[in-house]
Each structure stands twice: as structure tokens, then as C-alpha cells.
Amino acid sequence: MTKESIIEIKINEENCTGCIICKLWCSYIYHNIFNPSKANLEIEERYGLTPKIVFLETCHHCGQCVQHCLYGALELKEIIEQ
């Protein structure tokens, strides 16, 4: 039996500053424009609390947001299924 690995994006909201760099890069990669409203994820402000990161159904899970996150709020995690 072979083991398959799946890569998923882990969210560490306590590290999120709400800088929206992930959203800017997502929009640039998929729409060739730096426009956070075109990103495949949302960062919801919560009245001075830690922002909440939400991936939309349009997210491709490509990991580009992870590569550009400066604060470690997003990271790639490998899950091995048997």
C-alpha cells in the first residue's frame, strides 16, 4: 500500500497582522493586477482583535499566499494519508 501526501494551507491567525500581502499576490497571480478585492481569500477584521483568514471557494490552494506571508500566518503542511 502506498501513502499519498496532500499539501494543505495551515492558518496561524495569531500571527496575522492584516497586511493583505497574501491577497495582493493572489490577485496578481490569477488576475495580473494587485487588487485585494480579486483575491481568492479574505481577511476579516474583528474590531481590534486578531484578523480572521478565510479561503474562498475560488481558491486554488497553490500556496503562493504562503510563500509571500511575512509573518508566518500561513504555512504549508503535508498530510500523509494511508
PDB file of N, CA and C in Angstrom:
ATOM      1  N   MET A   1       0.847  -1.175   0.000  1.00  0.00           N
ATOM      2  CA  MET A   1       0.000   0.000   0.000  1.00  0.00           C
ATOM      3  C   MET A   1       0.897   1.246   0.000  1.00  0.00           C
ATOM      4  N   THR A   2       0.567   2.190  -0.863  1.00  0.00           N
ATOM      5  CA  THR A   2       1.352   3.418  -0.926  1.00  0.00           C
ATOM      6  C   THR A   2       0.675   4.520  -0.127  1.00  0.00           C
ATOM      7  N   LYS A   3       1.500   5.374   0.382  1.00  0.00           N
ATOM      8  CA  LYS A   3       0.987   6.510   1.138  1.00  0.00           C
ATOM      9  C   LYS A   3       0.952   7.726   0.219  1.00  0.00           C
ATOM     10  N   GLU A   4      -0.135   8.453   0.277  1.00  0.00           N
ATOM     11  CA  GLU A   4      -0.262   9.677  -0.501  1.00  0.00           C
ATOM     12  C   GLU A   4      -0.122  10.858   0.436  1.00  0.00           C
ATOM     13  N   SER A   5       0.519  11.907  -0.066  1.00  0.00           N
ATOM     14  CA  SER A   5       0.607  13.113   0.752  1.00  0.00           C
ATOM     15  C   SER A   5      -0.208  14.218   0.094  1.00  0.00           C
ATOM     16  N   ILE A   6      -0.846  14.962   0.934  1.00  0.00           N
ATOM     17  CA  ILE A   6      -1.655  16.094   0.495  1.00  0.00           C
ATOM     18  C   ILE A   6      -1.080  17.328   1.174  1.00  0.00           C
ATOM     19  N   ILE A   7      -0.939  18.384   0.411  1.00  0.00           N
ATOM     20  CA  ILE A   7      -0.461  19.643   0.967  1.00  0.00           C
ATOM     21  C   ILE A   7      -1.674  20.527   1.242  1.00  0.00           C
ATOM     22  N   GLU A   8      -1.754  21.031   2.463  1.00  0.00           N
ATOM     23  CA  GLU A   8      -2.831  21.961   2.788  1.00  0.00           C
ATOM     24  C   GLU A   8      -2.220  23.207   3.413  1.00  0.00           C
ATOM     25  N   ILE A   9      -2.986  24.267   3.423  1.00  0.00           N
ATOM     26  CA  ILE A   9      -2.527  25.528   3.984  1.00  0.00           C
ATOM     27  C   ILE A   9      -3.034  25.620   5.420  1.00  0.00           C
ATOM     28  N   LYS A  10      -2.090  25.741   6.345  1.00  0.00           N
ATOM     29  CA  LYS A  10      -2.426  25.882   7.762  1.00  0.00           C
ATOM     30  C   LYS A  10      -2.475  27.375   8.082  1.00  0.00           C
ATOM     31  N   ILE A  11      -3.484  27.772   8.824  1.00  0.00           N
ATOM     32  CA  ILE A  11      -3.672  29.171   9.201  1.00  0.00           C
ATOM     33  C   ILE A  11      -3.254  29.362  10.654  1.00  0.00           C
ATOM     34  N   ASN A  12      -2.343  30.315  10.880  1.00  0.00           N
ATOM     35  CA  ASN A  12      -1.924  30.717  12.220  1.00  0.00           C
ATOM     36  C   ASN A  12      -2.393  32.156  12.430  1.00  0.00           C
ATOM     37  N   GLU A  13      -3.672  32.319  12.717  1.00  0.00           N
ATOM     38  CA  GLU A  13      -4.260  33.661  12.778  1.00  0.00           C
ATOM     39  C   GLU A  13      -3.589  34.563  13.802  1.00  0.00           C
ATOM     40  N   GLU A  14      -3.037  33.976  14.863  1.00  0.00           N
ATOM     41  CA  GLU A  14      -2.397  34.805  15.880  1.00  0.00           C
ATOM     42  C   GLU A  14      -1.189  35.564  15.331  1.00  0.00           C
ATOM     43  N   ASN A  15      -0.653  35.118  14.187  1.00  0.00           N
ATOM     44  CA  ASN A  15       0.480  35.803  13.560  1.00  0.00           C
ATOM     45  C   ASN A  15       0.048  36.820  12.502  1.00  0.00           C
ATOM     46  N   CYS A  16      -1.222  36.825  12.128  1.00  0.00           N
ATOM     47  CA  CYS A  16      -1.706  37.704  11.062  1.00  0.00           C
ATOM     48  C   CYS A  16      -1.775  39.152  11.556  1.00  0.00           C
ATOM     49  N   THR A  17      -1.221  40.053  10.753  1.00  0.00           N
ATOM     50  CA  THR A  17      -1.263  41.487  11.067  1.00  0.00           C
ATOM     51  C   THR A  17      -2.303  42.220  10.230  1.00  0.00           C
ATOM     52  N   GLY A  18      -2.905  41.511   9.269  1.00  0.00           N
ATOM     53  CA  GLY A  18      -3.875  42.147   8.382  1.00  0.00           C
ATOM     54  C   GLY A  18      -3.219  42.970   7.284  1.00  0.00           C
ATOM     55  N   CYS A  19      -1.969  42.682   6.968  1.00  0.00           N
ATOM     56  CA  CYS A  19      -1.212  43.485   5.988  1.00  0.00           C
ATOM     57  C   CYS A  19      -1.705  43.312   4.550  1.00  0.00           C
ATOM     58  N   ILE A  20      -2.437  42.290   4.240  1.00  0.00           N
ATOM     59  CA  ILE A  20      -3.024  41.901   2.949  1.00  0.00           C
ATOM     60  C   ILE A  20      -2.013  41.578   1.838  1.00  0.00           C
ATOM     61  N   ILE A  21      -0.758  41.351   2.183  1.00  0.00           N
ATOM     62  CA  ILE A  21       0.216  40.966   1.157  1.00  0.00           C
ATOM     63  C   ILE A  21      -0.217  39.673   0.470  1.00  0.00           C
ATOM     64  N   CYS A  22      -0.767  38.735   1.218  1.00  0.00           N
ATOM     65  CA  CYS A  22      -1.239  37.476   0.631  1.00  0.00           C
ATOM     66  C   CYS A  22      -2.323  37.748  -0.412  1.00  0.00           C
ATOM     67  N   LYS A  23      -3.230  38.662  -0.110  1.00  0.00           N
ATOM     68  CA  LYS A  23      -4.312  38.987  -1.038  1.00  0.00           C
ATOM     69  C   LYS A  23      -3.780  39.681  -2.285  1.00  0.00           C
ATOM     70  N   LEU A  24      -2.808  40.558  -2.112  1.00  0.00           N
ATOM     71  CA  LEU A  24      -2.228  41.259  -3.255  1.00  0.00           C
ATOM     72  C   LEU A  24      -1.546  40.285  -4.209  1.00  0.00           C
ATOM     73  N   TRP A  25      -0.756  39.361  -3.663  1.00  0.00           N
ATOM     74  CA  TRP A  25      -0.076  38.400  -4.519  1.00  0.00           C
ATOM     75  C   TRP A  25      -1.046  37.431  -5.182  1.00  0.00           C
ATOM     76  N   CYS A  26      -2.075  37.019  -4.464  1.00  0.00           N
ATOM     77  CA  CYS A  26      -3.086  36.133  -5.037  1.00  0.00           C
ATOM     78  C   CYS A  26      -3.751  36.804  -6.236  1.00  0.00           C
ATOM     79  N   SER A  27      -4.146  38.035  -6.078  1.00  0.00           N
ATOM     80  CA  SER A  27      -4.806  38.745  -7.179  1.00  0.00           C
ATOM     81  C   SER A  27      -3.859  38.941  -8.358  1.00  0.00           C
ATOM     82  N   TYR A  28      -2.604  39.194  -8.072  1.00  0.00           N
ATOM     83  CA  TYR A  28      -1.634  39.395  -9.154  1.00  0.00           C
ATOM     84  C   TYR A  28      -1.401  38.101  -9.936  1.00  0.00           C
ATOM     85  N   ILE A  29      -1.273  36.990  -9.219  1.00  0.00           N
ATOM     86  CA  ILE A  29      -1.002  35.711  -9.873  1.00  0.00           C
ATOM     87  C   ILE A  29      -2.166  35.271 -10.749  1.00  0.00           C
ATOM     88  N   TYR A  30      -3.405  35.484 -10.300  1.00  0.00           N
ATOM     89  CA  TYR A  30      -4.562  34.984 -11.048  1.00  0.00           C
ATOM     90  C   TYR A  30      -5.249  36.016 -11.930  1.00  0.00           C
ATOM     91  N   HIS A  31      -4.989  37.312 -11.690  1.00  0.00           N
ATOM     92  CA  HIS A  31      -5.666  38.340 -12.488  1.00  0.00           C
ATOM     93  C   HIS A  31      -4.702  39.382 -13.054  1.00  0.00           C
ATOM     94  N   ASN A  32      -3.398  39.205 -12.785  1.00  0.00           N
ATOM     95  CA  ASN A  32      -2.363  40.099 -13.296  1.00  0.00           C
ATOM     96  C   ASN A  32      -2.559  41.556 -12.850  1.00  0.00           C
ATOM     97  N   ILE A  33      -3.092  41.728 -11.645  1.00  0.00           N
ATOM     98  CA  ILE A  33      -3.298  43.057 -11.085  1.00  0.00           C
ATOM     99  C   ILE A  33      -3.233  42.957  -9.554  1.00  0.00           C
ATOM    100  N   PHE A  34      -2.593  43.930  -8.930  1.00  0.00           N
ATOM    101  CA  PHE A  34      -2.563  43.966  -7.471  1.00  0.00           C
ATOM    102  C   PHE A  34      -3.849  44.609  -6.981  1.00  0.00           C
ATOM    103  N   ASN A  35      -4.867  43.789  -6.739  1.00  0.00           N
ATOM    104  CA  ASN A  35      -6.180  44.271  -6.305  1.00  0.00           C
ATOM    105  C   ASN A  35      -6.742  43.269  -5.295  1.00  0.00           C
ATOM    106  N   PRO A  36      -6.698  43.602  -4.008  1.00  0.00           N
ATOM    107  CA  PRO A  36      -7.119  42.643  -2.996  1.00  0.00           C
ATOM    108  C   PRO A  36      -8.563  42.166  -3.127  1.00  0.00           C
ATOM    109  N   SER A  37      -9.409  42.935  -3.788  1.00  0.00           N
ATOM    110  CA  SER A  37     -10.799  42.507  -3.960  1.00  0.00           C
ATOM    111  C   SER A  37     -10.924  41.356  -4.963  1.00  0.00           C
ATOM    112  N   LYS A  38      -9.863  41.073  -5.712  1.00  0.00           N
ATOM    113  CA  LYS A  38      -9.876  39.972  -6.675  1.00  0.00           C
ATOM    114  C   LYS A  38      -9.176  38.725  -6.146  1.00  0.00           C
ATOM    115  N   ALA A  39      -8.762  38.737  -4.895  1.00  0.00           N
ATOM    116  CA  ALA A  39      -8.053  37.602  -4.301  1.00  0.00           C
ATOM    117  C   ALA A  39      -9.022  36.466  -3.980  1.00  0.00           C
ATOM    118  N   ASN A  40      -8.466  35.282  -3.822  1.00  0.00           N
ATOM    119  CA  ASN A  40      -9.246  34.092  -3.509  1.00  0.00           C
ATOM    120  C   ASN A  40      -9.278  33.803  -2.006  1.00  0.00           C
ATOM    121  N   LEU A  41      -8.955  34.813  -1.209  1.00  0.00           N
ATOM    122  CA  LEU A  41      -9.055  34.703   0.234  1.00  0.00           C
ATOM    123  C   LEU A  41      -9.465  36.054   0.805  1.00  0.00           C
ATOM    124  N   GLU A  42      -9.996  36.006   1.999  1.00  0.00           N
ATOM    125  CA  GLU A  42     -10.432  37.220   2.692  1.00  0.00           C
ATOM    126  C   GLU A  42      -9.722  37.313   4.032  1.00  0.00           C
ATOM    127  N   ILE A  43      -9.510  38.524   4.467  1.00  0.00           N
ATOM    128  CA  ILE A  43      -9.010  38.768   5.813  1.00  0.00           C
ATOM    129  C   ILE A  43     -10.055  39.631   6.495  1.00  0.00           C
ATOM    130  N   GLU A  44     -10.757  39.032   7.416  1.00  0.00           N
ATOM    131  CA  GLU A  44     -11.854  39.724   8.088  1.00  0.00           C
ATOM    132  C   GLU A  44     -11.335  40.424   9.338  1.00  0.00           C
ATOM    133  N   GLU A  45     -11.538  41.729   9.397  1.00  0.00           N
ATOM    134  CA  GLU A  45     -11.169  42.493  10.587  1.00  0.00           C
ATOM    135  C   GLU A  45     -12.191  42.199  11.669  1.00  0.00           C
ATOM    136  N   ARG A  46     -11.722  42.077  12.916  1.00  0.00           N
ATOM    137  CA  ARG A  46     -12.619  41.734  14.014  1.00  0.00           C
ATOM    138  C   ARG A  46     -12.473  42.734  15.162  1.00  0.00           C
ATOM    139  N   TYR A  47     -12.699  44.009  14.864  1.00  0.00           N
ATOM    140  CA  TYR A  47     -12.758  45.057  15.884  1.00  0.00           C
ATOM    141  C   TYR A  47     -11.549  45.068  16.811  1.00  0.00           C
ATOM    142  N   GLY A  48     -10.375  45.156  16.237  1.00  0.00           N
ATOM    143  CA  GLY A  48      -9.159  45.250  17.026  1.00  0.00           C
ATOM    144  C   GLY A  48      -8.583  43.919  17.473  1.00  0.00           C
ATOM    145  N   LEU A  49      -9.279  42.833  17.203  1.00  0.00           N
ATOM    146  CA  LEU A  49      -8.780  41.508  17.549  1.00  0.00           C
ATOM    147  C   LEU A  49      -7.954  40.963  16.394  1.00  0.00           C
ATOM    148  N   THR A  50      -7.428  39.782  16.559  1.00  0.00           N
ATOM    149  CA  THR A  50      -6.661  39.132  15.501  1.00  0.00           C
ATOM    150  C   THR A  50      -7.535  38.952  14.261  1.00  0.00           C
ATOM    151  N   PRO A  51      -7.043  39.359  13.083  1.00  0.00           N
ATOM    152  CA  PRO A  51      -7.832  39.172  11.855  1.00  0.00           C
ATOM    153  C   PRO A  51      -8.120  37.688  11.592  1.00  0.00           C
ATOM    154  N   LYS A  52      -9.224  37.417  10.915  1.00  0.00           N
ATOM    155  CA  LYS A  52      -9.610  36.046  10.567  1.00  0.00           C
ATOM    156  C   LYS A  52      -9.348  35.840   9.077  1.00  0.00           C
ATOM    157  N   ILE A  53      -8.614  34.777   8.741  1.00  0.00           N
ATOM    158  CA  ILE A  53      -8.276  34.454   7.359  1.00  0.00           C
ATOM    159  C   ILE A  53      -9.253  33.404   6.857  1.00  0.00           C
ATOM    160  N   VAL A  54      -9.876  33.673   5.707  1.00  0.00           N
ATOM    161  CA  VAL A  54     -10.865  32.765   5.140  1.00  0.00           C
ATOM    162  C   VAL A  54     -10.530  32.535   3.666  1.00  0.00           C
ATOM    163  N   PHE A  55     -10.399  31.275   3.275  1.00  0.00           N
ATOM    164  CA  PHE A  55     -10.181  30.937   1.862  1.00  0.00           C
ATOM    165  C   PHE A  55     -11.533  30.791   1.181  1.00  0.00           C
ATOM    166  N   LEU A  56     -11.685  31.425   0.036  1.00  0.00           N
ATOM    167  CA  LEU A  56     -12.926  31.363  -0.723  1.00  0.00           C
ATOM    168  C   LEU A  56     -12.982  30.076  -1.535  1.00  0.00           C
ATOM    169  N   GLU A  57     -14.157  29.749  -2.046  1.00  0.00           N
ATOM    170  CA  GLU A  57     -14.312  28.543  -2.871  1.00  0.00           C
ATOM    171  C   GLU A  57     -13.482  28.622  -4.146  1.00  0.00           C
ATOM    172  N   THR A  58     -13.130  29.815  -4.574  1.00  0.00           N
ATOM    173  CA  THR A  58     -12.343  30.001  -5.791  1.00  0.00           C
ATOM    174  C   THR A  58     -10.852  29.767  -5.569  1.00  0.00           C
ATOM    175  N   CYS A  59     -10.450  29.524  -4.322  1.00  0.00           N
ATOM    176  CA  CYS A  59      -9.033  29.314  -4.003  1.00  0.00           C
ATOM    177  C   CYS A  59      -8.519  28.053  -4.689  1.00  0.00           C
ATOM    178  N   HIS A  60      -7.335  28.152  -5.285  1.00  0.00           N
ATOM    179  CA  HIS A  60      -6.708  27.033  -5.984  1.00  0.00           C
ATOM    180  C   HIS A  60      -5.741  26.265  -5.083  1.00  0.00           C
ATOM    181  N   HIS A  61      -5.528  26.739  -3.866  1.00  0.00           N
ATOM    182  CA  HIS A  61      -4.602  26.125  -2.906  1.00  0.00           C
ATOM    183  C   HIS A  61      -3.208  25.951  -3.507  1.00  0.00           C
ATOM    184  N   CYS A  62      -2.784  26.968  -4.249  1.00  0.00           N
ATOM    185  CA  CYS A  62      -1.480  26.914  -4.909  1.00  0.00           C
ATOM    186  C   CYS A  62      -0.330  27.204  -3.956  1.00  0.00           C
ATOM    187  N   GLY A  63      -0.617  27.858  -2.832  1.00  0.00           N
ATOM    188  CA  GLY A  63       0.413  28.148  -1.841  1.00  0.00           C
ATOM    189  C   GLY A  63       1.174  29.445  -2.052  1.00  0.00           C
ATOM    190  N   GLN A  64       0.815  30.209  -3.062  1.00  0.00           N
ATOM    191  CA  GLN A  64       1.518  31.477  -3.293  1.00  0.00           C
ATOM    192  C   GLN A  64       1.318  32.455  -2.142  1.00  0.00           C
ATOM    193  N   CYS A  65       0.159  32.442  -1.529  1.00  0.00           N
ATOM    194  CA  CYS A  65      -0.092  33.317  -0.377  1.00  0.00           C
ATOM    195  C   CYS A  65       0.858  32.959   0.759  1.00  0.00           C
ATOM    196  N   VAL A  66       1.122  31.669   0.925  1.00  0.00           N
ATOM    197  CA  VAL A  66       2.021  31.195   1.970  1.00  0.00           C
ATOM    198  C   VAL A  66       3.439  31.693   1.709  1.00  0.00           C
ATOM    199  N   GLN A  67       3.879  31.598   0.470  1.00  0.00           N
ATOM    200  CA  GLN A  67       5.239  31.998   0.117  1.00  0.00           C
ATOM    201  C   GLN A  67       5.477  33.486   0.336  1.00  0.00           C
ATOM    202  N   HIS A  68       4.431  34.291   0.280  1.00  0.00           N
ATOM    203  CA  HIS A  68       4.590  35.738   0.410  1.00  0.00           C
ATOM    204  C   HIS A  68       4.183  36.285   1.776  1.00  0.00           C
ATOM    205  N   CYS A  69       3.721  35.421   2.672  1.00  0.00           N
ATOM    206  CA  CYS A  69       3.342  35.864   4.015  1.00  0.00           C
ATOM    207  C   CYS A  69       4.601  36.137   4.828  1.00  0.00           C
ATOM    208  N   LEU A  70       4.750  37.366   5.278  1.00  0.00           N
ATOM    209  CA  LEU A  70       5.953  37.781   6.006  1.00  0.00           C
ATOM    210  C   LEU A  70       5.908  37.451   7.494  1.00  0.00           C
ATOM    211  N   TYR A  71       4.754  37.087   8.006  1.00  0.00           N
ATOM    212  CA  TYR A  71       4.578  36.950   9.444  1.00  0.00           C
ATOM    213  C   TYR A  71       4.280  35.534   9.916  1.00  0.00           C
ATOM    214  N   GLY A  72       4.273  34.571   9.005  1.00  0.00           N
ATOM    215  CA  GLY A  72       4.023  33.184   9.394  1.00  0.00           C
ATOM    216  C   GLY A  72       2.577  32.879   9.724  1.00  0.00           C
ATOM    217  N   ALA A  73       1.665  33.696   9.222  1.00  0.00           N
ATOM    218  CA  ALA A  73       0.242  33.442   9.455  1.00  0.00           C
ATOM    219  C   ALA A  73      -0.265  32.291   8.604  1.00  0.00           C
ATOM    220  N   LEU A  74       0.434  32.009   7.519  1.00  0.00           N
ATOM    221  CA  LEU A  74       0.073  30.905   6.633  1.00  0.00           C
ATOM    222  C   LEU A  74       1.296  30.019   6.456  1.00  0.00           C
ATOM    223  N   GLU A  75       1.070  28.718   6.451  1.00  0.00           N
ATOM    224  CA  GLU A  75       2.171  27.800   6.189  1.00  0.00           C
ATOM    225  C   GLU A  75       1.646  26.552   5.489  1.00  0.00           C
ATOM    226  N   LEU A  76       2.504  25.931   4.695  1.00  0.00           N
ATOM    227  CA  LEU A  76       2.137  24.692   4.020  1.00  0.00           C
ATOM    228  C   LEU A  76       2.387  23.532   4.967  1.00  0.00           C
ATOM    229  N   LYS A  77       1.428  22.629   5.014  1.00  0.00           N
ATOM    230  CA  LYS A  77       1.529  21.465   5.888  1.00  0.00           C
ATOM    231  C   LYS A  77       1.255  20.225   5.060  1.00  0.00           C
ATOM    232  N   GLU A  78       2.130  19.245   5.148  1.00  0.00           N
ATOM    233  CA  GLU A  78       1.946  18.000   4.428  1.00  0.00           C
ATOM    234  C   GLU A  78       1.207  17.004   5.300  1.00  0.00           C
ATOM    235  N   ILE A  79       0.150  16.449   4.755  1.00  0.00           N
ATOM    236  CA  ILE A  79      -0.633  15.444   5.449  1.00  0.00           C
ATOM    237  C   ILE A  79      -0.456  14.137   4.680  1.00  0.00           C
ATOM    238  N   ILE A  80      -0.041  13.104   5.383  1.00  0.00           N
ATOM    239  CA  ILE A  80       0.176  11.804   4.732  1.00  0.00           C
ATOM    240  C   ILE A  80      -1.030  10.926   5.025  1.00  0.00           C
ATOM    241  N   GLU A  81      -1.687  10.490   3.938  1.00  0.00           N
ATOM    242  CA  GLU A  81      -2.837   9.608   4.060  1.00  0.00           C
ATOM    243  C   GLU A  81      -2.423   8.190   3.733  1.00  0.00           C
ATOM    244  N   GLN A  82      -3.039   7.253   4.401  1.00  0.00           N
ATOM    245  CA  GLN A  82      -2.706   5.845   4.146  1.00  0.00           C
ATOM    246  C   GLN A  82      -3.782   5.169   3.380  1.00  0.00           C
TER     247      GLN A  82
END
